[in-house]
Structure formats: structure tokens, C-alpha cells
Amino acid sequence: MNVEEIIKTSKKMPLESRTLIHMTLVNNKLNELTNNALKPFDVSLQQFNVLRILRGQHGKPANLSTLNDRMVTKMSNTTRLVDKLLAKDYVVRNVCPSNRRKVEILITEKGSNALSEMDKALAEAENDIVKNFNKEELEQLNTLLDKF
């Protein structure tokens, strides 16, 4: 199905507009599929991203600034994401007694175990998403997207 059919227009759209609308539709579909993969874990894509960043710290704590800098989707409310992960016991947050603004966040064993399961679900969704592309097409698509 082409973009014009999806948005229910009979007019031929300018290539630039068609491309941007198409990219928005693809983005929405990707978000839907990845969110559905994470739904059984009651974790958002942003929370999943925080857990992955913390795992990548290899036991070293991260602060809110580090998390926000490394997020795929930049957000101003990283504190809220961490609070939700705290409620699930996926992370711990330590406040420095001498500087209460200094907060260190670490992934817990429970968070690491849950993240491993989420990784499997997301890998399955990712494979499903790209199943209609061969390796060469995926490389070409990445090359085109790198132009942004």
C-alpha cells in the first residue's frame, strides 16, 4: 500500500512531502511494534533504553545527565523514568549525602534478568520488522538514513 492510499488522498503528492509522511508512518509503526514487544514487561521503550544504558555501565553508576545524554529518545524527565524503574526494583538510586543533587543509579539483578528477557522479545520484533529486507537493502537503507 502506498502513502497516498494510507492517508486517503487521490492527489499525487510532492516527493518531499510524500517522503516525510512515509517516514512518519514508518516511525509510528516501529514504535507500535516495539512497544507491543515490551508490553508484557510493563516497560516503555524509554525505560528499556535506560536499563540498557545502565547495563552498559558494567556495574558503574550513572547519573541522570549521563542517562539523558545517551538516550535514543531525548527526554527532559529522566527522573520520572528512573522512578518507574525503582518501583519495579529494576534499579537502585543512591543520593550522595554531601551533595544531594548528585544521584547515582545502578541496575539491579532483577533489572538485569528482566532486561535479558526484554532483549529476546525485542530481537524477535526487530527480526519481524526487517524480514522483508535482505542484508544489502538494510545496508543501503542505513547509508541513506546516515545522511540525516
N, C-alpha and C. Protein backbone atom coordinates (compact mmCIF):
# COMPACT_ATOMS: atom_id res chain seq x y z
N MET A 1 0.85 -1.18 0.00
CA MET A 1 0.00 0.00 0.00
C MET A 1 0.89 1.24 0.00
N ASN A 2 0.57 2.21 -0.85
CA ASN A 2 1.41 3.41 -0.90
C ASN A 2 0.87 4.49 0.05
N VAL A 3 1.65 5.53 0.24
CA VAL A 3 1.33 6.59 1.19
C VAL A 3 -0.01 7.24 0.87
N GLU A 4 -0.25 7.51 -0.40
CA GLU A 4 -1.50 8.17 -0.78
C GLU A 4 -2.71 7.32 -0.36
N GLU A 5 -2.60 6.02 -0.51
CA GLU A 5 -3.70 5.13 -0.10
C GLU A 5 -3.88 5.15 1.42
N ILE A 6 -2.77 5.16 2.13
CA ILE A 6 -2.83 5.14 3.59
C ILE A 6 -3.48 6.41 4.13
N ILE A 7 -3.11 7.56 3.58
CA ILE A 7 -3.69 8.81 4.09
C ILE A 7 -4.96 9.22 3.33
N LYS A 8 -5.40 8.36 2.45
CA LYS A 8 -6.68 8.52 1.74
C LYS A 8 -6.76 9.82 0.94
N THR A 9 -5.75 10.01 0.09
CA THR A 9 -5.80 11.14 -0.82
C THR A 9 -5.66 10.63 -2.25
N SER A 10 -6.34 11.30 -3.16
CA SER A 10 -6.25 10.89 -4.56
C SER A 10 -5.24 11.77 -5.31
N LYS A 11 -4.81 12.85 -4.66
CA LYS A 11 -3.84 13.76 -5.28
C LYS A 11 -2.45 13.17 -5.21
N LYS A 12 -1.70 13.36 -6.27
CA LYS A 12 -0.29 12.98 -6.28
C LYS A 12 0.44 13.99 -5.42
N MET A 13 1.17 13.49 -4.45
CA MET A 13 1.86 14.37 -3.51
C MET A 13 3.25 14.70 -4.01
N PRO A 14 3.77 15.88 -3.63
CA PRO A 14 5.17 16.20 -3.97
C PRO A 14 6.08 15.17 -3.29
N LEU A 15 7.14 14.82 -3.95
CA LEU A 15 8.05 13.78 -3.45
C LEU A 15 8.56 14.08 -2.04
N GLU A 16 8.90 15.33 -1.77
CA GLU A 16 9.41 15.70 -0.45
C GLU A 16 8.37 15.43 0.64
N SER A 17 7.14 15.87 0.42
CA SER A 17 6.06 15.65 1.39
C SER A 17 5.76 14.17 1.56
N ARG A 18 5.70 13.49 0.43
CA ARG A 18 5.42 12.05 0.45
C ARG A 18 6.49 11.30 1.26
N THR A 19 7.74 11.69 1.07
CA THR A 19 8.83 11.04 1.79
C THR A 19 8.72 11.27 3.29
N LEU A 20 8.47 12.50 3.69
CA LEU A 20 8.38 12.81 5.12
C LEU A 20 7.17 12.14 5.77
N ILE A 21 6.05 12.12 5.08
CA ILE A 21 4.87 11.43 5.61
C ILE A 21 5.15 9.94 5.71
N HIS A 22 5.80 9.40 4.70
CA HIS A 22 6.13 7.98 4.70
C HIS A 22 7.05 7.64 5.88
N MET A 23 8.05 8.48 6.12
CA MET A 23 8.96 8.25 7.24
C MET A 23 8.21 8.34 8.58
N THR A 24 7.28 9.25 8.69
CA THR A 24 6.48 9.37 9.92
C THR A 24 5.63 8.12 10.13
N LEU A 25 5.03 7.62 9.07
CA LEU A 25 4.22 6.40 9.17
C LEU A 25 5.07 5.21 9.57
N VAL A 26 6.27 5.11 9.01
CA VAL A 26 7.18 4.02 9.36
C VAL A 26 7.59 4.16 10.82
N ASN A 27 7.92 5.36 11.26
CA ASN A 27 8.29 5.60 12.65
C ASN A 27 7.16 5.17 13.59
N ASN A 28 5.95 5.54 13.25
CA ASN A 28 4.80 5.17 14.09
C ASN A 28 4.64 3.65 14.16
N LYS A 29 4.83 2.98 13.04
CA LYS A 29 4.71 1.52 13.01
C LYS A 29 5.83 0.87 13.83
N LEU A 30 7.04 1.38 13.72
CA LEU A 30 8.15 0.86 14.51
C LEU A 30 7.88 1.02 16.00
N ASN A 31 7.39 2.18 16.40
CA ASN A 31 7.06 2.41 17.80
C ASN A 31 5.98 1.45 18.28
N GLU A 32 4.97 1.26 17.46
CA GLU A 32 3.88 0.35 17.81
C GLU A 32 4.41 -1.08 18.02
N LEU A 33 5.21 -1.56 17.10
CA LEU A 33 5.72 -2.93 17.19
C LEU A 33 6.69 -3.12 18.35
N THR A 34 7.55 -2.14 18.59
CA THR A 34 8.48 -2.28 19.71
C THR A 34 7.76 -2.13 21.05
N ASN A 35 6.81 -1.22 21.13
CA ASN A 35 6.03 -1.08 22.36
C ASN A 35 5.24 -2.34 22.65
N ASN A 36 4.69 -2.96 21.61
CA ASN A 36 3.96 -4.22 21.79
C ASN A 36 4.87 -5.33 22.30
N ALA A 37 6.11 -5.35 21.83
CA ALA A 37 7.07 -6.37 22.29
C ALA A 37 7.40 -6.17 23.77
N LEU A 38 7.41 -4.92 24.23
CA LEU A 38 7.75 -4.63 25.62
C LEU A 38 6.54 -4.62 26.55
N LYS A 39 5.35 -4.62 25.97
CA LYS A 39 4.12 -4.53 26.77
C LYS A 39 4.01 -5.61 27.85
N PRO A 40 4.34 -6.88 27.57
CA PRO A 40 4.24 -7.91 28.62
C PRO A 40 5.13 -7.63 29.83
N PHE A 41 6.15 -6.79 29.66
CA PHE A 41 7.07 -6.47 30.75
C PHE A 41 6.67 -5.19 31.48
N ASP A 42 5.61 -4.54 31.02
CA ASP A 42 5.12 -3.29 31.60
C ASP A 42 6.23 -2.24 31.66
N VAL A 43 6.96 -2.14 30.54
CA VAL A 43 8.08 -1.21 30.43
C VAL A 43 7.94 -0.46 29.11
N SER A 44 8.17 0.84 29.15
CA SER A 44 8.14 1.63 27.92
C SER A 44 9.47 1.50 27.19
N LEU A 45 9.49 1.92 25.95
CA LEU A 45 10.73 1.90 25.17
C LEU A 45 11.80 2.76 25.83
N GLN A 46 11.39 3.89 26.42
CA GLN A 46 12.34 4.78 27.09
C GLN A 46 12.91 4.12 28.35
N GLN A 47 12.06 3.41 29.10
CA GLN A 47 12.53 2.70 30.30
C GLN A 47 13.50 1.58 29.89
N PHE A 48 13.17 0.88 28.83
CA PHE A 48 14.05 -0.17 28.30
C PHE A 48 15.41 0.43 27.94
N ASN A 49 15.38 1.59 27.32
CA ASN A 49 16.62 2.27 26.93
C ASN A 49 17.46 2.62 28.15
N VAL A 50 16.83 3.10 29.23
CA VAL A 50 17.54 3.41 30.47
C VAL A 50 18.21 2.15 31.02
N LEU A 51 17.47 1.04 31.02
CA LEU A 51 18.04 -0.21 31.52
C LEU A 51 19.24 -0.65 30.68
N ARG A 52 19.15 -0.49 29.37
CA ARG A 52 20.28 -0.87 28.51
C ARG A 52 21.50 0.01 28.77
N ILE A 53 21.27 1.29 28.97
CA ILE A 53 22.37 2.21 29.28
C ILE A 53 23.04 1.79 30.59
N LEU A 54 22.22 1.48 31.60
CA LEU A 54 22.77 1.08 32.90
C LEU A 54 23.53 -0.23 32.80
N ARG A 55 23.03 -1.17 32.01
CA ARG A 55 23.76 -2.43 31.81
C ARG A 55 25.11 -2.14 31.15
N GLY A 56 25.13 -1.22 30.22
CA GLY A 56 26.37 -0.85 29.53
C GLY A 56 27.38 -0.15 30.42
N GLN A 57 26.97 0.25 31.60
CA GLN A 57 27.89 0.88 32.56
C GLN A 57 28.76 -0.17 33.27
N HIS A 58 28.41 -1.46 33.11
CA HIS A 58 29.18 -2.56 33.68
C HIS A 58 29.43 -2.40 35.17
N GLY A 59 28.34 -2.10 35.90
CA GLY A 59 28.45 -2.01 37.37
C GLY A 59 28.81 -0.63 37.88
N LYS A 60 29.20 0.27 36.98
CA LYS A 60 29.49 1.64 37.41
C LYS A 60 28.18 2.42 37.42
N PRO A 61 27.95 3.25 38.42
CA PRO A 61 26.70 4.01 38.45
C PRO A 61 26.66 5.08 37.37
N ALA A 62 25.46 5.45 37.01
CA ALA A 62 25.25 6.55 36.06
C ALA A 62 24.43 7.62 36.78
N ASN A 63 24.59 8.85 36.34
CA ASN A 63 23.75 9.90 36.89
C ASN A 63 22.68 10.25 35.85
N LEU A 64 21.75 11.11 36.23
CA LEU A 64 20.64 11.46 35.34
C LEU A 64 21.13 12.11 34.06
N SER A 65 22.18 12.91 34.17
CA SER A 65 22.73 13.58 32.99
C SER A 65 23.28 12.57 31.99
N THR A 66 24.01 11.57 32.50
CA THR A 66 24.56 10.52 31.64
C THR A 66 23.44 9.78 30.92
N LEU A 67 22.40 9.44 31.67
CA LEU A 67 21.27 8.73 31.07
C LEU A 67 20.63 9.57 29.97
N ASN A 68 20.37 10.83 30.28
CA ASN A 68 19.71 11.70 29.31
C ASN A 68 20.57 11.90 28.06
N ASP A 69 21.88 12.04 28.24
CA ASP A 69 22.78 12.23 27.10
C ASP A 69 22.80 11.02 26.18
N ARG A 70 22.65 9.82 26.75
CA ARG A 70 22.78 8.60 25.96
C ARG A 70 21.45 8.03 25.48
N MET A 71 20.36 8.67 25.87
CA MET A 71 19.04 8.18 25.46
C MET A 71 18.87 8.30 23.95
N VAL A 72 18.24 7.28 23.36
CA VAL A 72 17.92 7.34 21.93
C VAL A 72 16.87 8.42 21.71
N THR A 73 15.86 8.43 22.56
CA THR A 73 14.82 9.45 22.53
C THR A 73 15.11 10.42 23.67
N LYS A 74 15.52 11.63 23.35
CA LYS A 74 15.87 12.61 24.39
C LYS A 74 14.60 13.04 25.11
N MET A 75 14.69 13.05 26.44
CA MET A 75 13.54 13.44 27.26
C MET A 75 14.04 14.38 28.35
N SER A 76 13.16 15.25 28.79
CA SER A 76 13.54 16.14 29.89
C SER A 76 13.24 15.49 31.23
N ASN A 77 12.41 14.46 31.25
CA ASN A 77 12.00 13.90 32.53
C ASN A 77 12.58 12.50 32.76
N THR A 78 13.88 12.40 32.74
CA THR A 78 14.55 11.13 33.00
C THR A 78 14.28 10.67 34.44
N THR A 79 14.12 11.63 35.36
CA THR A 79 13.82 11.30 36.76
C THR A 79 12.57 10.44 36.85
N ARG A 80 11.55 10.78 36.10
CA ARG A 80 10.28 10.03 36.13
C ARG A 80 10.50 8.61 35.62
N LEU A 81 11.32 8.44 34.58
CA LEU A 81 11.62 7.10 34.06
C LEU A 81 12.32 6.26 35.14
N VAL A 82 13.29 6.87 35.80
CA VAL A 82 14.02 6.16 36.85
C VAL A 82 13.09 5.81 38.00
N ASP A 83 12.19 6.72 38.36
CA ASP A 83 11.21 6.45 39.43
C ASP A 83 10.37 5.22 39.12
N LYS A 84 9.94 5.10 37.87
CA LYS A 84 9.13 3.94 37.48
C LYS A 84 9.94 2.65 37.55
N LEU A 85 11.21 2.72 37.18
CA LEU A 85 12.08 1.54 37.25
C LEU A 85 12.40 1.19 38.71
N LEU A 86 12.50 2.20 39.56
CA LEU A 86 12.69 1.98 41.00
C LEU A 86 11.51 1.21 41.59
N ALA A 87 10.32 1.61 41.19
CA ALA A 87 9.09 0.96 41.69
C ALA A 87 9.05 -0.51 41.32
N LYS A 88 9.70 -0.88 40.24
CA LYS A 88 9.74 -2.28 39.80
C LYS A 88 10.95 -3.03 40.36
N ASP A 89 11.78 -2.33 41.14
CA ASP A 89 13.03 -2.88 41.67
C ASP A 89 14.03 -3.25 40.58
N TYR A 90 13.97 -2.55 39.45
CA TYR A 90 14.90 -2.79 38.35
C TYR A 90 16.17 -1.96 38.50
N VAL A 91 16.09 -0.88 39.29
CA VAL A 91 17.25 -0.02 39.53
C VAL A 91 17.26 0.39 41.00
N VAL A 92 18.43 0.84 41.44
CA VAL A 92 18.54 1.49 42.75
C VAL A 92 19.11 2.89 42.50
N ARG A 93 18.72 3.79 43.39
CA ARG A 93 19.18 5.17 43.27
C ARG A 93 19.82 5.55 44.60
N ASN A 94 21.04 6.01 44.54
CA ASN A 94 21.76 6.44 45.74
C ASN A 94 22.00 7.94 45.65
N VAL A 95 21.62 8.64 46.72
CA VAL A 95 21.84 10.08 46.79
C VAL A 95 23.09 10.32 47.63
N CYS A 96 23.99 11.10 47.09
CA CYS A 96 25.23 11.42 47.79
C CYS A 96 24.90 12.27 49.02
N PRO A 97 25.31 11.84 50.23
CA PRO A 97 24.98 12.58 51.45
C PRO A 97 25.56 14.00 51.47
N SER A 98 26.75 14.18 50.89
CA SER A 98 27.39 15.50 50.92
C SER A 98 26.88 16.44 49.82
N ASN A 99 26.27 15.88 48.78
CA ASN A 99 25.74 16.69 47.68
C ASN A 99 24.45 16.04 47.20
N ARG A 100 23.33 16.48 47.74
CA ARG A 100 22.05 15.83 47.47
C ARG A 100 21.63 15.90 46.00
N ARG A 101 22.29 16.79 45.24
CA ARG A 101 21.97 16.86 43.80
C ARG A 101 22.67 15.77 43.02
N LYS A 102 23.67 15.14 43.64
CA LYS A 102 24.40 14.06 42.97
C LYS A 102 23.68 12.73 43.24
N VAL A 103 23.12 12.18 42.18
CA VAL A 103 22.34 10.94 42.29
C VAL A 103 23.00 9.89 41.40
N GLU A 104 23.23 8.71 41.97
CA GLU A 104 23.82 7.62 41.20
C GLU A 104 22.79 6.51 41.03
N ILE A 105 22.67 5.99 39.82
CA ILE A 105 21.68 4.96 39.51
C ILE A 105 22.40 3.72 39.01
N LEU A 106 21.98 2.56 39.52
CA LEU A 106 22.54 1.27 39.13
C LEU A 106 21.41 0.31 38.78
N ILE A 107 21.65 -0.57 37.84
CA ILE A 107 20.68 -1.61 37.51
C ILE A 107 20.81 -2.71 38.57
N THR A 108 19.69 -3.30 38.98
CA THR A 108 19.70 -4.39 39.94
C THR A 108 19.79 -5.73 39.22
N GLU A 109 19.98 -6.78 39.98
CA GLU A 109 20.00 -8.12 39.39
C GLU A 109 18.63 -8.42 38.77
N LYS A 110 17.57 -8.03 39.48
CA LYS A 110 16.22 -8.23 38.95
C LYS A 110 16.06 -7.47 37.63
N GLY A 111 16.59 -6.24 37.57
CA GLY A 111 16.53 -5.46 36.34
C GLY A 111 17.32 -6.09 35.22
N SER A 112 18.50 -6.62 35.54
CA SER A 112 19.33 -7.29 34.53
C SER A 112 18.63 -8.53 33.98
N ASN A 113 18.03 -9.31 34.86
CA ASN A 113 17.32 -10.51 34.42
C ASN A 113 16.12 -10.16 33.55
N ALA A 114 15.37 -9.16 33.97
CA ALA A 114 14.21 -8.72 33.18
C ALA A 114 14.67 -8.18 31.82
N LEU A 115 15.77 -7.43 31.82
CA LEU A 115 16.29 -6.86 30.58
C LEU A 115 16.70 -7.96 29.60
N SER A 116 17.26 -9.04 30.10
CA SER A 116 17.62 -10.17 29.23
C SER A 116 16.39 -10.74 28.53
N GLU A 117 15.29 -10.83 29.25
CA GLU A 117 14.04 -11.32 28.65
C GLU A 117 13.49 -10.30 27.65
N MET A 118 13.58 -9.03 27.99
CA MET A 118 13.12 -7.98 27.08
C MET A 118 13.94 -7.99 25.80
N ASP A 119 15.25 -8.21 25.94
CA ASP A 119 16.14 -8.27 24.77
C ASP A 119 15.64 -9.32 23.78
N LYS A 120 15.26 -10.48 24.30
CA LYS A 120 14.77 -11.57 23.44
C LYS A 120 13.49 -11.16 22.72
N ALA A 121 12.56 -10.56 23.45
CA ALA A 121 11.29 -10.13 22.84
C ALA A 121 11.52 -9.06 21.79
N LEU A 122 12.40 -8.12 22.09
CA LEU A 122 12.67 -7.05 21.13
C LEU A 122 13.42 -7.56 19.92
N ALA A 123 14.35 -8.49 20.11
CA ALA A 123 15.08 -9.07 18.97
C ALA A 123 14.11 -9.78 18.03
N GLU A 124 13.14 -10.46 18.60
CA GLU A 124 12.12 -11.14 17.78
C GLU A 124 11.31 -10.11 16.98
N ALA A 125 10.92 -9.02 17.65
CA ALA A 125 10.17 -7.96 16.96
C ALA A 125 11.02 -7.32 15.87
N GLU A 126 12.29 -7.07 16.16
CA GLU A 126 13.18 -6.46 15.17
C GLU A 126 13.34 -7.35 13.95
N ASN A 127 13.51 -8.65 14.18
CA ASN A 127 13.62 -9.58 13.06
C ASN A 127 12.36 -9.58 12.22
N ASP A 128 11.22 -9.49 12.86
CA ASP A 128 9.95 -9.45 12.15
C ASP A 128 9.82 -8.16 11.33
N ILE A 129 10.29 -7.06 11.90
CA ILE A 129 10.20 -5.76 11.24
C ILE A 129 11.02 -5.73 9.96
N VAL A 130 12.21 -6.32 9.97
CA VAL A 130 13.10 -6.24 8.81
C VAL A 130 13.08 -7.48 7.93
N LYS A 131 12.12 -8.37 8.16
CA LYS A 131 12.10 -9.65 7.44
C LYS A 131 11.97 -9.50 5.92
N ASN A 132 11.42 -8.38 5.44
CA ASN A 132 11.25 -8.20 4.00
C ASN A 132 12.44 -7.55 3.32
N PHE A 133 13.51 -7.32 4.08
CA PHE A 133 14.72 -6.71 3.53
C PHE A 133 15.86 -7.73 3.55
N ASN A 134 16.67 -7.72 2.51
CA ASN A 134 17.89 -8.54 2.56
C ASN A 134 19.00 -7.67 3.16
N LYS A 135 20.15 -8.29 3.41
CA LYS A 135 21.26 -7.58 4.06
C LYS A 135 21.70 -6.36 3.26
N GLU A 136 21.80 -6.53 1.95
CA GLU A 136 22.23 -5.42 1.10
C GLU A 136 21.24 -4.24 1.19
N GLU A 137 19.95 -4.53 1.19
CA GLU A 137 18.94 -3.47 1.31
C GLU A 137 19.02 -2.77 2.66
N LEU A 138 19.26 -3.54 3.71
CA LEU A 138 19.40 -2.93 5.04
C LEU A 138 20.63 -2.03 5.10
N GLU A 139 21.72 -2.46 4.49
CA GLU A 139 22.92 -1.63 4.46
C GLU A 139 22.67 -0.35 3.66
N GLN A 140 21.96 -0.49 2.54
CA GLN A 140 21.63 0.68 1.72
C GLN A 140 20.72 1.64 2.48
N LEU A 141 19.73 1.09 3.17
CA LEU A 141 18.81 1.92 3.96
C LEU A 141 19.58 2.67 5.05
N ASN A 142 20.47 1.98 5.73
CA ASN A 142 21.28 2.64 6.77
C ASN A 142 22.15 3.74 6.19
N THR A 143 22.72 3.51 5.03
CA THR A 143 23.52 4.54 4.37
C THR A 143 22.69 5.76 4.07
N LEU A 144 21.47 5.55 3.60
CA LEU A 144 20.58 6.68 3.31
C LEU A 144 20.18 7.40 4.59
N LEU A 145 19.88 6.66 5.63
CA LEU A 145 19.47 7.28 6.89
C LEU A 145 20.61 8.01 7.56
N ASP A 146 21.84 7.59 7.31
CA ASP A 146 23.01 8.28 7.87
C ASP A 146 23.14 9.70 7.34
N LYS A 147 22.45 10.02 6.26
CA LYS A 147 22.51 11.37 5.69
C LYS A 147 21.80 12.39 6.55
N PHE A 148 21.03 11.92 7.52
CA PHE A 148 20.40 12.85 8.46
C PHE A 148 21.42 13.29 9.45
